[in-house]
N, C-alpha and C. Protein backbone atom coordinates (compact mmCIF):
# COMPACT_ATOMS: atom_id res chain seq x y z
N UNK A 1 14.85 -6.47 107.92
CA UNK A 1 15.89 -6.14 108.88
C UNK A 1 17.10 -6.99 108.56
N UNK A 2 18.29 -6.40 108.61
CA UNK A 2 19.50 -7.17 108.35
C UNK A 2 20.65 -6.66 109.22
N UNK A 3 21.70 -7.46 109.24
CA UNK A 3 22.92 -7.12 109.96
C UNK A 3 23.98 -6.74 108.96
N UNK A 4 24.84 -5.82 109.35
CA UNK A 4 26.01 -5.50 108.57
C UNK A 4 27.20 -5.96 109.39
N UNK A 5 27.99 -6.85 108.84
CA UNK A 5 29.01 -7.55 109.62
C UNK A 5 30.36 -7.39 108.96
N UNK A 6 31.29 -6.82 109.68
CA UNK A 6 32.65 -6.65 109.18
C UNK A 6 33.61 -7.40 110.10
N UNK A 7 34.58 -8.04 109.50
CA UNK A 7 35.63 -8.69 110.30
C UNK A 7 36.97 -8.41 109.68
N UNK A 8 37.91 -8.13 110.50
CA UNK A 8 39.28 -7.93 110.09
C UNK A 8 40.14 -8.76 111.01
N UNK A 9 41.21 -9.29 110.51
CA UNK A 9 42.07 -10.13 111.31
C UNK A 9 42.46 -9.42 112.62
N UNK A 10 42.25 -10.12 113.73
CA UNK A 10 42.59 -9.64 115.07
C UNK A 10 41.81 -8.40 115.49
N UNK A 11 40.68 -8.13 114.84
CA UNK A 11 39.83 -7.01 115.23
C UNK A 11 38.42 -7.51 115.41
N UNK A 12 37.72 -6.99 116.35
CA UNK A 12 36.32 -7.33 116.56
C UNK A 12 35.50 -6.08 116.38
N UNK A 13 34.47 -6.20 115.60
CA UNK A 13 33.59 -5.08 115.36
C UNK A 13 32.20 -5.45 115.81
N UNK A 14 31.47 -4.49 116.25
CA UNK A 14 30.07 -4.72 116.59
C UNK A 14 29.27 -4.88 115.30
N UNK A 15 28.15 -5.56 115.41
CA UNK A 15 27.31 -5.81 114.25
C UNK A 15 26.17 -4.79 114.23
N UNK A 16 26.10 -4.04 113.15
CA UNK A 16 25.07 -3.02 112.99
C UNK A 16 23.73 -3.66 112.69
N UNK A 17 22.66 -3.09 113.23
CA UNK A 17 21.30 -3.52 112.95
C UNK A 17 20.69 -2.49 112.02
N UNK A 18 20.33 -2.94 110.83
CA UNK A 18 19.79 -2.04 109.81
C UNK A 18 18.38 -2.46 109.45
N UNK A 19 17.51 -1.50 109.23
CA UNK A 19 16.15 -1.75 108.73
C UNK A 19 15.92 -0.76 107.60
N UNK A 20 15.89 -1.29 106.37
CA UNK A 20 15.85 -0.44 105.17
C UNK A 20 17.05 0.50 105.22
N UNK A 21 16.83 1.79 105.32
CA UNK A 21 17.96 2.73 105.37
C UNK A 21 18.23 3.23 106.78
N UNK A 22 17.52 2.69 107.77
CA UNK A 22 17.65 3.15 109.15
C UNK A 22 18.68 2.32 109.92
N UNK A 23 19.57 3.00 110.62
CA UNK A 23 20.49 2.35 111.55
C UNK A 23 19.79 2.29 112.90
N UNK A 24 19.43 1.07 113.35
CA UNK A 24 18.67 0.92 114.59
C UNK A 24 19.55 0.75 115.82
N UNK A 25 20.80 0.31 115.62
CA UNK A 25 21.69 0.09 116.75
C UNK A 25 22.71 -0.98 116.40
N UNK A 26 23.19 -1.69 117.44
CA UNK A 26 24.18 -2.74 117.19
C UNK A 26 24.11 -3.81 118.27
N UNK A 27 24.68 -4.96 117.93
CA UNK A 27 24.88 -6.02 118.91
C UNK A 27 26.37 -6.34 118.94
N UNK A 28 26.83 -6.85 120.07
CA UNK A 28 28.22 -7.24 120.24
C UNK A 28 28.25 -8.72 120.61
N UNK A 29 28.36 -9.62 119.59
CA UNK A 29 28.34 -11.05 119.88
C UNK A 29 29.74 -11.64 120.02
N UNK A 30 29.78 -12.78 120.67
CA UNK A 30 31.02 -13.56 120.80
C UNK A 30 30.61 -15.03 120.74
N UNK A 31 31.39 -15.84 120.04
CA UNK A 31 31.09 -17.26 119.93
C UNK A 31 31.91 -18.05 120.94
N UNK A 32 31.25 -18.91 121.69
CA UNK A 32 31.89 -19.85 122.60
C UNK A 32 31.76 -21.22 121.95
N UNK A 33 32.73 -21.55 121.11
CA UNK A 33 32.70 -22.78 120.32
C UNK A 33 32.56 -24.07 121.12
N UNK A 34 33.39 -24.27 122.16
CA UNK A 34 33.28 -25.52 122.92
C UNK A 34 31.92 -25.73 123.56
N UNK A 35 31.24 -24.66 123.95
CA UNK A 35 29.92 -24.77 124.59
C UNK A 35 28.78 -24.60 123.59
N UNK A 36 29.14 -24.36 122.31
CA UNK A 36 28.15 -24.13 121.25
C UNK A 36 27.15 -23.05 121.65
N UNK A 37 27.69 -21.94 122.14
CA UNK A 37 26.87 -20.84 122.63
C UNK A 37 27.32 -19.52 122.00
N UNK A 38 26.35 -18.75 121.54
CA UNK A 38 26.65 -17.39 121.11
C UNK A 38 26.31 -16.48 122.28
N UNK A 39 27.26 -15.67 122.69
CA UNK A 39 27.07 -14.74 123.80
C UNK A 39 26.90 -13.35 123.20
N UNK A 40 25.73 -12.77 123.44
CA UNK A 40 25.48 -11.40 123.00
C UNK A 40 25.80 -10.52 124.20
N UNK A 41 26.98 -9.89 124.14
CA UNK A 41 27.48 -9.15 125.29
C UNK A 41 26.78 -7.81 125.48
N UNK A 42 26.26 -7.27 124.39
CA UNK A 42 25.61 -5.96 124.51
C UNK A 42 24.67 -5.78 123.33
N UNK A 43 23.54 -5.15 123.60
CA UNK A 43 22.59 -4.75 122.57
C UNK A 43 22.26 -3.29 122.83
N UNK A 44 22.46 -2.46 121.81
CA UNK A 44 22.21 -1.02 121.96
C UNK A 44 21.30 -0.58 120.82
N UNK A 45 20.22 0.11 121.16
CA UNK A 45 19.29 0.64 120.17
C UNK A 45 19.36 2.15 120.16
N UNK A 46 19.14 2.74 119.00
CA UNK A 46 19.06 4.19 118.87
C UNK A 46 17.70 4.72 119.29
N UNK A 47 16.70 3.83 119.27
CA UNK A 47 15.34 4.21 119.66
C UNK A 47 14.64 2.95 120.17
N UNK A 48 13.49 3.13 120.79
CA UNK A 48 12.70 1.98 121.22
C UNK A 48 12.13 1.27 120.00
N UNK A 49 12.25 -0.05 119.99
CA UNK A 49 11.70 -0.84 118.89
C UNK A 49 10.32 -1.33 119.27
N UNK A 50 9.43 -1.40 118.28
CA UNK A 50 8.10 -1.93 118.56
C UNK A 50 8.17 -3.46 118.58
N UNK A 51 7.06 -4.10 118.92
CA UNK A 51 7.05 -5.55 119.10
C UNK A 51 7.40 -6.29 117.80
N UNK A 52 6.92 -5.81 116.68
CA UNK A 52 7.22 -6.43 115.39
C UNK A 52 8.72 -6.35 115.09
N UNK A 53 9.32 -5.19 115.35
CA UNK A 53 10.76 -5.02 115.12
C UNK A 53 11.57 -5.91 116.05
N UNK A 54 11.15 -6.05 117.32
CA UNK A 54 11.84 -6.94 118.25
C UNK A 54 11.76 -8.39 117.78
N UNK A 55 10.60 -8.79 117.30
CA UNK A 55 10.40 -10.14 116.78
C UNK A 55 11.35 -10.41 115.61
N UNK A 56 11.40 -9.49 114.65
CA UNK A 56 12.29 -9.64 113.50
C UNK A 56 13.76 -9.66 113.93
N UNK A 57 14.12 -8.78 114.84
CA UNK A 57 15.50 -8.74 115.32
C UNK A 57 15.89 -10.05 116.00
N UNK A 58 15.01 -10.55 116.87
CA UNK A 58 15.31 -11.79 117.57
C UNK A 58 15.55 -12.92 116.57
N UNK A 59 14.71 -13.05 115.57
CA UNK A 59 14.89 -14.14 114.62
C UNK A 59 16.07 -13.95 113.69
N UNK A 60 16.51 -12.74 113.47
CA UNK A 60 17.76 -12.52 112.73
C UNK A 60 18.95 -12.95 113.59
N UNK A 61 18.87 -12.68 114.90
CA UNK A 61 19.93 -13.14 115.81
C UNK A 61 19.95 -14.66 115.85
N UNK A 62 18.78 -15.30 115.87
CA UNK A 62 18.71 -16.77 115.84
C UNK A 62 19.33 -17.30 114.56
N UNK A 63 19.00 -16.70 113.42
CA UNK A 63 19.60 -17.13 112.14
C UNK A 63 21.12 -17.00 112.18
N UNK A 64 21.59 -15.90 112.73
CA UNK A 64 23.03 -15.66 112.83
C UNK A 64 23.69 -16.72 113.72
N UNK A 65 23.05 -17.05 114.84
CA UNK A 65 23.58 -18.07 115.75
C UNK A 65 23.59 -19.45 115.09
N UNK A 66 22.53 -19.78 114.39
CA UNK A 66 22.46 -21.08 113.71
C UNK A 66 23.51 -21.18 112.60
N UNK A 67 23.76 -20.08 111.91
CA UNK A 67 24.80 -20.05 110.89
C UNK A 67 26.15 -20.43 111.48
N UNK A 68 26.38 -20.02 112.73
CA UNK A 68 27.63 -20.32 113.41
C UNK A 68 27.55 -21.63 114.21
N UNK A 69 26.48 -22.41 113.97
CA UNK A 69 26.30 -23.75 114.55
C UNK A 69 26.30 -23.75 116.08
N UNK A 70 25.55 -22.82 116.65
CA UNK A 70 25.42 -22.77 118.10
C UNK A 70 24.08 -23.36 118.53
N UNK A 71 24.02 -23.85 119.77
CA UNK A 71 22.79 -24.44 120.32
C UNK A 71 22.07 -23.50 121.29
N UNK A 72 22.78 -22.45 121.73
CA UNK A 72 22.21 -21.52 122.71
C UNK A 72 22.64 -20.10 122.39
N UNK A 73 21.81 -19.16 122.84
CA UNK A 73 22.18 -17.74 122.80
C UNK A 73 22.05 -17.21 124.21
N UNK A 74 23.12 -16.62 124.70
CA UNK A 74 23.10 -16.03 126.04
C UNK A 74 23.23 -14.51 125.89
N UNK A 75 22.24 -13.79 126.42
CA UNK A 75 22.21 -12.33 126.33
C UNK A 75 22.69 -11.72 127.64
N UNK A 76 23.62 -10.75 127.56
CA UNK A 76 24.12 -9.98 128.69
C UNK A 76 23.75 -8.51 128.49
N UNK A 77 23.76 -7.75 129.54
CA UNK A 77 23.63 -6.29 129.47
C UNK A 77 22.45 -5.83 128.62
N UNK A 78 21.26 -6.27 128.95
CA UNK A 78 20.08 -5.86 128.20
C UNK A 78 19.57 -4.53 128.73
N UNK A 79 19.95 -3.46 128.06
CA UNK A 79 19.56 -2.13 128.48
C UNK A 79 18.14 -1.79 128.04
N UNK A 80 17.67 -2.47 126.99
CA UNK A 80 16.33 -2.21 126.48
C UNK A 80 15.31 -3.01 127.29
N UNK A 81 14.41 -2.31 127.94
CA UNK A 81 13.37 -2.97 128.73
C UNK A 81 12.44 -3.78 127.84
N UNK A 82 12.17 -3.27 126.63
CA UNK A 82 11.32 -4.00 125.68
C UNK A 82 11.95 -5.33 125.28
N UNK A 83 13.23 -5.32 124.95
CA UNK A 83 13.91 -6.55 124.56
C UNK A 83 14.00 -7.51 125.74
N UNK A 84 14.30 -6.99 126.91
CA UNK A 84 14.37 -7.83 128.11
C UNK A 84 13.04 -8.54 128.36
N UNK A 85 11.94 -7.82 128.28
CA UNK A 85 10.62 -8.41 128.50
C UNK A 85 10.31 -9.45 127.43
N UNK A 86 10.64 -9.14 126.19
CA UNK A 86 10.39 -10.08 125.09
C UNK A 86 11.16 -11.38 125.30
N UNK A 87 12.44 -11.28 125.61
CA UNK A 87 13.28 -12.47 125.78
C UNK A 87 12.93 -13.24 127.04
N UNK A 88 12.54 -12.54 128.08
CA UNK A 88 12.18 -13.19 129.34
C UNK A 88 11.01 -14.17 129.13
N UNK A 89 10.09 -13.82 128.26
CA UNK A 89 8.93 -14.67 127.99
C UNK A 89 9.28 -15.95 127.24
N UNK A 90 10.38 -15.96 126.50
CA UNK A 90 10.74 -17.14 125.72
C UNK A 90 12.03 -17.81 126.18
N UNK A 91 12.58 -17.35 127.30
CA UNK A 91 13.88 -17.86 127.74
C UNK A 91 13.77 -19.27 128.33
N UNK A 92 14.88 -20.00 128.21
CA UNK A 92 14.95 -21.33 128.81
C UNK A 92 15.66 -21.27 130.16
N UNK A 93 16.39 -20.18 130.39
CA UNK A 93 17.12 -20.01 131.65
C UNK A 93 17.33 -18.52 131.88
N UNK A 94 17.17 -18.10 133.12
CA UNK A 94 17.32 -16.68 133.44
C UNK A 94 18.05 -16.53 134.76
N UNK A 95 19.02 -15.62 134.80
CA UNK A 95 19.70 -15.26 136.04
C UNK A 95 19.56 -13.75 136.20
N UNK A 96 20.19 -13.21 137.23
CA UNK A 96 20.15 -11.76 137.42
C UNK A 96 20.87 -11.02 136.30
N UNK A 97 21.86 -11.68 135.68
CA UNK A 97 22.68 -11.01 134.68
C UNK A 97 22.46 -11.46 133.25
N UNK A 98 21.89 -12.65 133.05
CA UNK A 98 21.76 -13.18 131.69
C UNK A 98 20.39 -13.78 131.43
N UNK A 99 20.08 -13.87 130.16
CA UNK A 99 18.92 -14.61 129.68
C UNK A 99 19.45 -15.57 128.61
N UNK A 100 19.13 -16.85 128.74
CA UNK A 100 19.60 -17.86 127.80
C UNK A 100 18.42 -18.42 127.02
N UNK A 101 18.61 -18.51 125.70
CA UNK A 101 17.62 -19.08 124.80
C UNK A 101 18.21 -20.37 124.23
N UNK A 102 17.50 -21.46 124.39
CA UNK A 102 17.92 -22.77 123.87
C UNK A 102 17.39 -22.92 122.45
N UNK A 103 18.26 -23.19 121.48
CA UNK A 103 17.86 -23.31 120.09
C UNK A 103 17.62 -24.75 119.66
N UNK A 104 17.84 -25.71 120.54
CA UNK A 104 17.65 -27.11 120.13
C UNK A 104 16.24 -27.58 120.34
């Protein structure tokens, strides 16, 4: 599983989630540098992912966050019940609107 990431000056693009030749969906991240937090504002899937795919996706997001030197990942707008349940089990903090994962 990998991400396809494009950036253009003054433009923000969502990050595509690819598995082999399949487009699985996208994430919309934002970096909060002063708080060392990556905020995943939205996650959208084209289909339900199985547990193995969710595991791989989560660790690709962790790799992406660590690359940007963040200590936390905060997830918003989790429309996927499978992803919400997966993250809820490993979260360090949970509110009605967000799930936070501590990477330290």
